Structures are given as structure tokens and as C-alpha cells.
Amino acid sequence: MKIELEKLKSGRFFKYLFALYIVVVIKVIIFKYPFEQLRAIANTWQKGVILEGLGTANFVPFHTIKMYIDYAYKLNSVENLVGNVLAFVPFGFLFPLVSQEGGRFSVMFVNAFTFVLGIETFQLFSAFGAFDVDDILLNCLGAALGFGFYKILEKRGFFRKQS
């Protein structure tokens, strides 16, 4: 089954699918707690609480990844590491389908990085999660894997240019 690439990129289906994916990611990562709990967190927002996020953040690359590997027998390491990667595979696969320039790795990667950095920065200052540079690395790895999957399908002729 071959799909005409231009029709695919201009089609609304993948744009809606990508938008839905983005909303689901934001819900699952940022707004994962029940509404009442989110409201209670938001009610604590003040300078001290916001600055507290800086104290609990991980800015050291591979620190959390190493901890999850070292304590794999105690923690839900595999779920966390694999989940952080798999959650962004769809980004890397869908972005080229909804963006004219998205077929270039650099364009997809900058967009994935910006999205992930936005999520992590929001978590840093909102207390709706914890900033972790390793999440950025793992999420971007997932986007890169999704893009690789897209390119494999493209190379095998799954997508073809419209004549």
C-alpha cells in the first residue's frame, strides 16, 4: 500500500492526529494528577515553592538514567526509561507528515527539543512535575527513533511523491 506523500501532508487526518497526540502528551506528562490535586498544587504557587523546583531539578545529564540502571531491582526503571522514549516516537514519525520541512531531521529534532524543553520548563516552575534533563534526552531519543522509522518507510516506498 503506497500513500501519496503530498496528499498525506496536506490531509487533515494526520494534522488532527498530531494535534491529538500533543494534547495527550501534555495531559499525561503535565496534568497527570486529578483536577483537585492540580488545584491544590496551584494554590501553593508562590516564590518559595517555585524556587523549590530548582532544588529538586536534575540538571546533570545521565544522572537519573544511571540511578534507574543502578537501582533497577528496586525502582520502576524499565517503565520510566522506556516510557520516556516511547512517548515521543509518535512525534518523530508524525511530524514529517504534518510539516512541509518536517522531513529534514534537523527541523523535526529542533521542534521535538523545543516541545520537550517547554514541558520540562513548565514542570520546573509549576510544581506539576519535576525538571529532569534526562527526560529531555530520552524524549528526544524517542523522537529520533520515530523519525528513523518514518525514513525507513519512506525509503521502502511506503510514501511516494505525487505526480
C-alpha atoms as a PDB file:
ATOM      1  CA  MET A   1       0.000   0.000   0.000  1.00  0.00           C
ATOM      2  CA  LYS A   2       1.562   3.274  -1.117  1.00  0.00           C
ATOM      3  CA  ILE A   3       0.455   6.632   0.175  1.00  0.00           C
ATOM      4  CA  GLU A   4       0.967   9.788  -1.871  1.00  0.00           C
ATOM      5  CA  LEU A   5       3.184  11.957   0.307  1.00  0.00           C
ATOM      6  CA  GLU A   6       1.754  15.317  -0.764  1.00  0.00           C
ATOM      7  CA  LYS A   7      -1.829  14.196  -0.121  1.00  0.00           C
ATOM      8  CA  LEU A   8      -0.705  12.811   3.219  1.00  0.00           C
ATOM      9  CA  LYS A   9       0.957  16.045   4.267  1.00  0.00           C
ATOM     10  CA  SER A  10      -1.957  18.193   3.164  1.00  0.00           C
ATOM     11  CA  GLY A  11      -4.555  15.806   4.584  1.00  0.00           C
ATOM     12  CA  ARG A  12      -6.346  16.815   7.727  1.00  0.00           C
ATOM     13  CA  PHE A  13      -6.274  13.344   9.272  1.00  0.00           C
ATOM     14  CA  PHE A  14      -2.593  13.420  10.242  1.00  0.00           C
ATOM     15  CA  LYS A  15      -2.807  17.041  11.366  1.00  0.00           C
ATOM     16  CA  TYR A  16      -5.670  16.151  13.689  1.00  0.00           C
ATOM     17  CA  LEU A  17      -3.856  13.003  14.817  1.00  0.00           C
ATOM     18  CA  PHE A  18      -0.710  15.017  15.579  1.00  0.00           C
ATOM     19  CA  ALA A  19      -2.733  17.648  17.480  1.00  0.00           C
ATOM     20  CA  LEU A  20      -4.463  14.905  19.469  1.00  0.00           C
ATOM     21  CA  TYR A  21      -1.090  13.315  20.212  1.00  0.00           C
ATOM     22  CA  ILE A  22       0.265  16.667  21.516  1.00  0.00           C
ATOM     23  CA  VAL A  23      -2.796  17.137  23.760  1.00  0.00           C
ATOM     24  CA  VAL A  24      -2.469  13.583  25.128  1.00  0.00           C
ATOM     25  CA  VAL A  25       1.248  14.084  25.864  1.00  0.00           C
ATOM     26  CA  ILE A  26       0.531  17.325  27.713  1.00  0.00           C
ATOM     27  CA  LYS A  27      -2.266  15.648  29.694  1.00  0.00           C
ATOM     28  CA  VAL A  28      -0.184  12.590  30.588  1.00  0.00           C
ATOM     29  CA  ILE A  29       3.007  14.455  31.476  1.00  0.00           C
ATOM     30  CA  ILE A  30       1.866  17.772  32.931  1.00  0.00           C
ATOM     31  CA  PHE A  31      -1.725  17.303  34.026  1.00  0.00           C
ATOM     32  CA  LYS A  32      -1.390  13.706  35.204  1.00  0.00           C
ATOM     33  CA  TYR A  33      -2.912  14.333  38.628  1.00  0.00           C
ATOM     34  CA  PRO A  34      -6.639  14.697  39.374  1.00  0.00           C
ATOM     35  CA  PHE A  35      -8.006  18.230  38.979  1.00  0.00           C
ATOM     36  CA  GLU A  36      -8.377  18.779  42.723  1.00  0.00           C
ATOM     37  CA  GLN A  37      -4.752  17.851  43.301  1.00  0.00           C
ATOM     38  CA  LEU A  38      -3.628  20.192  40.498  1.00  0.00           C
ATOM     39  CA  ARG A  39      -5.679  22.987  42.026  1.00  0.00           C
ATOM     40  CA  ALA A  40      -4.111  22.326  45.443  1.00  0.00           C
ATOM     41  CA  ILE A  41      -0.650  22.496  43.855  1.00  0.00           C
ATOM     42  CA  ALA A  42      -1.533  25.715  42.035  1.00  0.00           C
ATOM     43  CA  ASN A  43      -2.802  27.231  45.301  1.00  0.00           C
ATOM     44  CA  THR A  44       0.691  26.766  46.775  1.00  0.00           C
ATOM     45  CA  TRP A  45       2.348  28.726  43.983  1.00  0.00           C
ATOM     46  CA  GLN A  46       4.481  31.449  45.413  1.00  0.00           C
ATOM     47  CA  LYS A  47       8.089  32.428  45.064  1.00  0.00           C
ATOM     48  CA  GLY A  48       9.370  29.888  47.607  1.00  0.00           C
ATOM     49  CA  VAL A  49       7.536  26.941  46.072  1.00  0.00           C
ATOM     50  CA  ILE A  50       8.614  27.912  42.582  1.00  0.00           C
ATOM     51  CA  LEU A  51      12.238  28.238  43.671  1.00  0.00           C
ATOM     52  CA  GLU A  52      11.943  24.849  45.390  1.00  0.00           C
ATOM     53  CA  GLY A  53      11.627  23.309  41.905  1.00  0.00           C
ATOM     54  CA  LEU A  54      15.178  24.437  41.202  1.00  0.00           C
ATOM     55  CA  GLY A  55      16.388  22.483  44.224  1.00  0.00           C
ATOM     56  CA  THR A  56      14.746  19.221  43.161  1.00  0.00           C
ATOM     57  CA  ALA A  57      15.563  19.511  39.455  1.00  0.00           C
ATOM     58  CA  ASN A  58      18.169  17.328  37.781  1.00  0.00           C
ATOM     59  CA  PHE A  59      20.480  19.357  35.532  1.00  0.00           C
ATOM     60  CA  VAL A  60      23.168  16.655  35.322  1.00  0.00           C
ATOM     61  CA  PRO A  61      22.938  14.583  32.122  1.00  0.00           C
ATOM     62  CA  PHE A  62      22.634  10.816  32.684  1.00  0.00           C
ATOM     63  CA  HIS A  63      22.265  11.197  36.480  1.00  0.00           C
ATOM     64  CA  THR A  64      18.694   9.867  36.604  1.00  0.00           C
ATOM     65  CA  ILE A  65      19.349   7.322  33.867  1.00  0.00           C
ATOM     66  CA  LYS A  66      22.312   5.950  35.834  1.00  0.00           C
ATOM     67  CA  MET A  67      20.244   5.862  39.029  1.00  0.00           C
ATOM     68  CA  TYR A  68      17.476   3.906  37.298  1.00  0.00           C
ATOM     69  CA  ILE A  69      20.025   1.433  35.950  1.00  0.00           C
ATOM     70  CA  ASP A  70      21.811   1.079  39.303  1.00  0.00           C
ATOM     71  CA  TYR A  71      18.566   0.541  41.219  1.00  0.00           C
ATOM     72  CA  ALA A  72      16.648  -1.358  38.551  1.00  0.00           C
ATOM     73  CA  TYR A  73      15.806  -4.075  41.047  1.00  0.00           C
ATOM     74  CA  LYS A  74      14.019  -1.558  43.335  1.00  0.00           C
ATOM     75  CA  LEU A  75      12.514   1.048  41.043  1.00  0.00           C
ATOM     76  CA  ASN A  76      10.174   1.023  38.066  1.00  0.00           C
ATOM     77  CA  SER A  77      13.245   1.793  35.959  1.00  0.00           C
ATOM     78  CA  VAL A  78      12.378  -0.013  32.769  1.00  0.00           C
ATOM     79  CA  GLU A  79       8.899   1.517  32.648  1.00  0.00           C
ATOM     80  CA  ASN A  80      10.281   5.007  33.246  1.00  0.00           C
ATOM     81  CA  LEU A  81      13.191   4.815  30.802  1.00  0.00           C
ATOM     82  CA  VAL A  82      11.297   3.024  28.042  1.00  0.00           C
ATOM     83  CA  GLY A  83       8.191   5.134  28.637  1.00  0.00           C
ATOM     84  CA  ASN A  84      10.137   8.366  28.221  1.00  0.00           C
ATOM     85  CA  VAL A  85      11.488   7.116  24.910  1.00  0.00           C
ATOM     86  CA  LEU A  86       8.280   5.549  23.553  1.00  0.00           C
ATOM     87  CA  ALA A  87       6.141   8.565  24.443  1.00  0.00           C
ATOM     88  CA  PHE A  88       7.939  10.630  21.799  1.00  0.00           C
ATOM     89  CA  VAL A  89       8.304   8.089  18.990  1.00  0.00           C
ATOM     90  CA  PRO A  90       4.990   9.315  17.529  1.00  0.00           C
ATOM     91  CA  PHE A  91       6.327  12.883  17.462  1.00  0.00           C
ATOM     92  CA  GLY A  92       9.259  11.862  15.261  1.00  0.00           C
ATOM     93  CA  PHE A  93       7.028   9.791  12.991  1.00  0.00           C
ATOM     94  CA  LEU A  94       4.095  12.196  12.658  1.00  0.00           C
ATOM     95  CA  PHE A  95       5.954  15.496  12.422  1.00  0.00           C
ATOM     96  CA  PRO A  96       7.240  14.828   8.872  1.00  0.00           C
ATOM     97  CA  LEU A  97       3.677  14.001   7.853  1.00  0.00           C
ATOM     98  CA  VAL A  98       2.266  17.340   9.022  1.00  0.00           C
ATOM     99  CA  SER A  99       5.104  19.728   8.199  1.00  0.00           C
ATOM    100  CA  GLN A 100       6.481  20.624   4.785  1.00  0.00           C
ATOM    101  CA  GLU A 101      10.000  20.901   6.229  1.00  0.00           C
ATOM    102  CA  GLY A 102       9.471  18.089   8.733  1.00  0.00           C
ATOM    103  CA  GLY A 103      11.189  15.531   6.506  1.00  0.00           C
ATOM    104  CA  ARG A 104      14.537  17.021   7.500  1.00  0.00           C
ATOM    105  CA  PHE A 105      15.906  15.556  10.721  1.00  0.00           C
ATOM    106  CA  SER A 106      17.198  18.900  11.980  1.00  0.00           C
ATOM    107  CA  VAL A 107      13.774  20.539  11.650  1.00  0.00           C
ATOM    108  CA  MET A 108      11.993  17.662  13.381  1.00  0.00           C
ATOM    109  CA  PHE A 109      14.621  17.500  16.124  1.00  0.00           C
ATOM    110  CA  VAL A 110      14.530  21.233  16.898  1.00  0.00           C
ATOM    111  CA  ASN A 111      10.729  21.064  17.138  1.00  0.00           C
ATOM    112  CA  ALA A 112      10.812  17.967  19.364  1.00  0.00           C
ATOM    113  CA  PHE A 113      13.502  19.518  21.572  1.00  0.00           C
ATOM    114  CA  THR A 114      11.556  22.778  21.877  1.00  0.00           C
ATOM    115  CA  PHE A 115       8.350  20.934  22.813  1.00  0.00           C
ATOM    116  CA  VAL A 116      10.103  18.762  25.403  1.00  0.00           C
ATOM    117  CA  LEU A 117      12.048  21.695  26.829  1.00  0.00           C
ATOM    118  CA  GLY A 118       8.780  23.616  27.168  1.00  0.00           C
ATOM    119  CA  ILE A 119       7.220  20.734  29.095  1.00  0.00           C
ATOM    120  CA  GLU A 120      10.226  20.360  31.392  1.00  0.00           C
ATOM    121  CA  THR A 121      10.487  24.112  31.992  1.00  0.00           C
ATOM    122  CA  PHE A 122       6.787  24.262  32.859  1.00  0.00           C
ATOM    123  CA  GLN A 123       7.305  21.411  35.318  1.00  0.00           C
ATOM    124  CA  LEU A 124      10.291  23.220  36.816  1.00  0.00           C
ATOM    125  CA  PHE A 125       8.308  26.338  37.703  1.00  0.00           C
ATOM    126  CA  SER A 126       4.819  24.922  38.249  1.00  0.00           C
ATOM    127  CA  ALA A 127       5.418  22.008  40.663  1.00  0.00           C
ATOM    128  CA  PHE A 128       3.220  19.891  38.344  1.00  0.00           C
ATOM    129  CA  GLY A 129       6.202  17.596  37.919  1.00  0.00           C
ATOM    130  CA  ALA A 130       9.976  17.654  38.193  1.00  0.00           C
ATOM    131  CA  PHE A 131      12.506  19.016  35.727  1.00  0.00           C
ATOM    132  CA  ASP A 132      14.949  16.346  34.580  1.00  0.00           C
ATOM    133  CA  VAL A 133      17.471  16.856  31.815  1.00  0.00           C
ATOM    134  CA  ASP A 134      17.469  13.073  31.310  1.00  0.00           C
ATOM    135  CA  ASP A 135      13.795  13.252  30.354  1.00  0.00           C
ATOM    136  CA  ILE A 136      14.793  15.688  27.612  1.00  0.00           C
ATOM    137  CA  LEU A 137      17.472  13.281  26.387  1.00  0.00           C
ATOM    138  CA  LEU A 138      15.150  10.257  26.457  1.00  0.00           C
ATOM    139  CA  ASN A 139      12.221  12.100  24.859  1.00  0.00           C
ATOM    140  CA  CYS A 140      14.422  13.423  22.056  1.00  0.00           C
ATOM    141  CA  LEU A 141      15.832   9.920  21.529  1.00  0.00           C
ATOM    142  CA  GLY A 142      12.257   8.704  21.112  1.00  0.00           C
ATOM    143  CA  ALA A 143      11.522  11.423  18.551  1.00  0.00           C
ATOM    144  CA  ALA A 144      14.704  10.478  16.671  1.00  0.00           C
ATOM    145  CA  LEU A 145      13.652   6.809  16.637  1.00  0.00           C
ATOM    146  CA  GLY A 146      10.202   7.750  15.328  1.00  0.00           C
ATOM    147  CA  PHE A 147      11.822   9.837  12.602  1.00  0.00           C
ATOM    148  CA  GLY A 148      14.072   6.906  11.704  1.00  0.00           C
ATOM    149  CA  PHE A 149      11.010   4.679  11.393  1.00  0.00           C
ATOM    150  CA  TYR A 150       9.381   7.280   9.123  1.00  0.00           C
ATOM    151  CA  LYS A 151      12.518   7.433   6.942  1.00  0.00           C
ATOM    152  CA  ILE A 152      12.690   3.626   6.678  1.00  0.00           C
ATOM    153  CA  LEU A 153       9.102   3.519   5.436  1.00  0.00           C
ATOM    154  CA  GLU A 154       9.753   6.414   3.082  1.00  0.00           C
ATOM    155  CA  LYS A 155      12.862   4.704   1.664  1.00  0.00           C
ATOM    156  CA  ARG A 156      10.951   1.464   1.141  1.00  0.00           C
ATOM    157  CA  GLY A 157       8.463   3.348  -0.964  1.00  0.00           C
ATOM    158  CA  PHE A 158       5.604   3.469   1.501  1.00  0.00           C
ATOM    159  CA  PHE A 159       5.312   7.168   0.792  1.00  0.00           C
ATOM    160  CA  ARG A 160       5.698   8.466  -2.745  1.00  0.00           C
ATOM    161  CA  LYS A 161       5.732  11.910  -4.241  1.00  0.00           C
ATOM    162  CA  GLN A 162       2.546  12.947  -6.025  1.00  0.00           C
ATOM    163  CA  SER A 163       2.995  13.103  -9.805  1.00  0.00           C
END
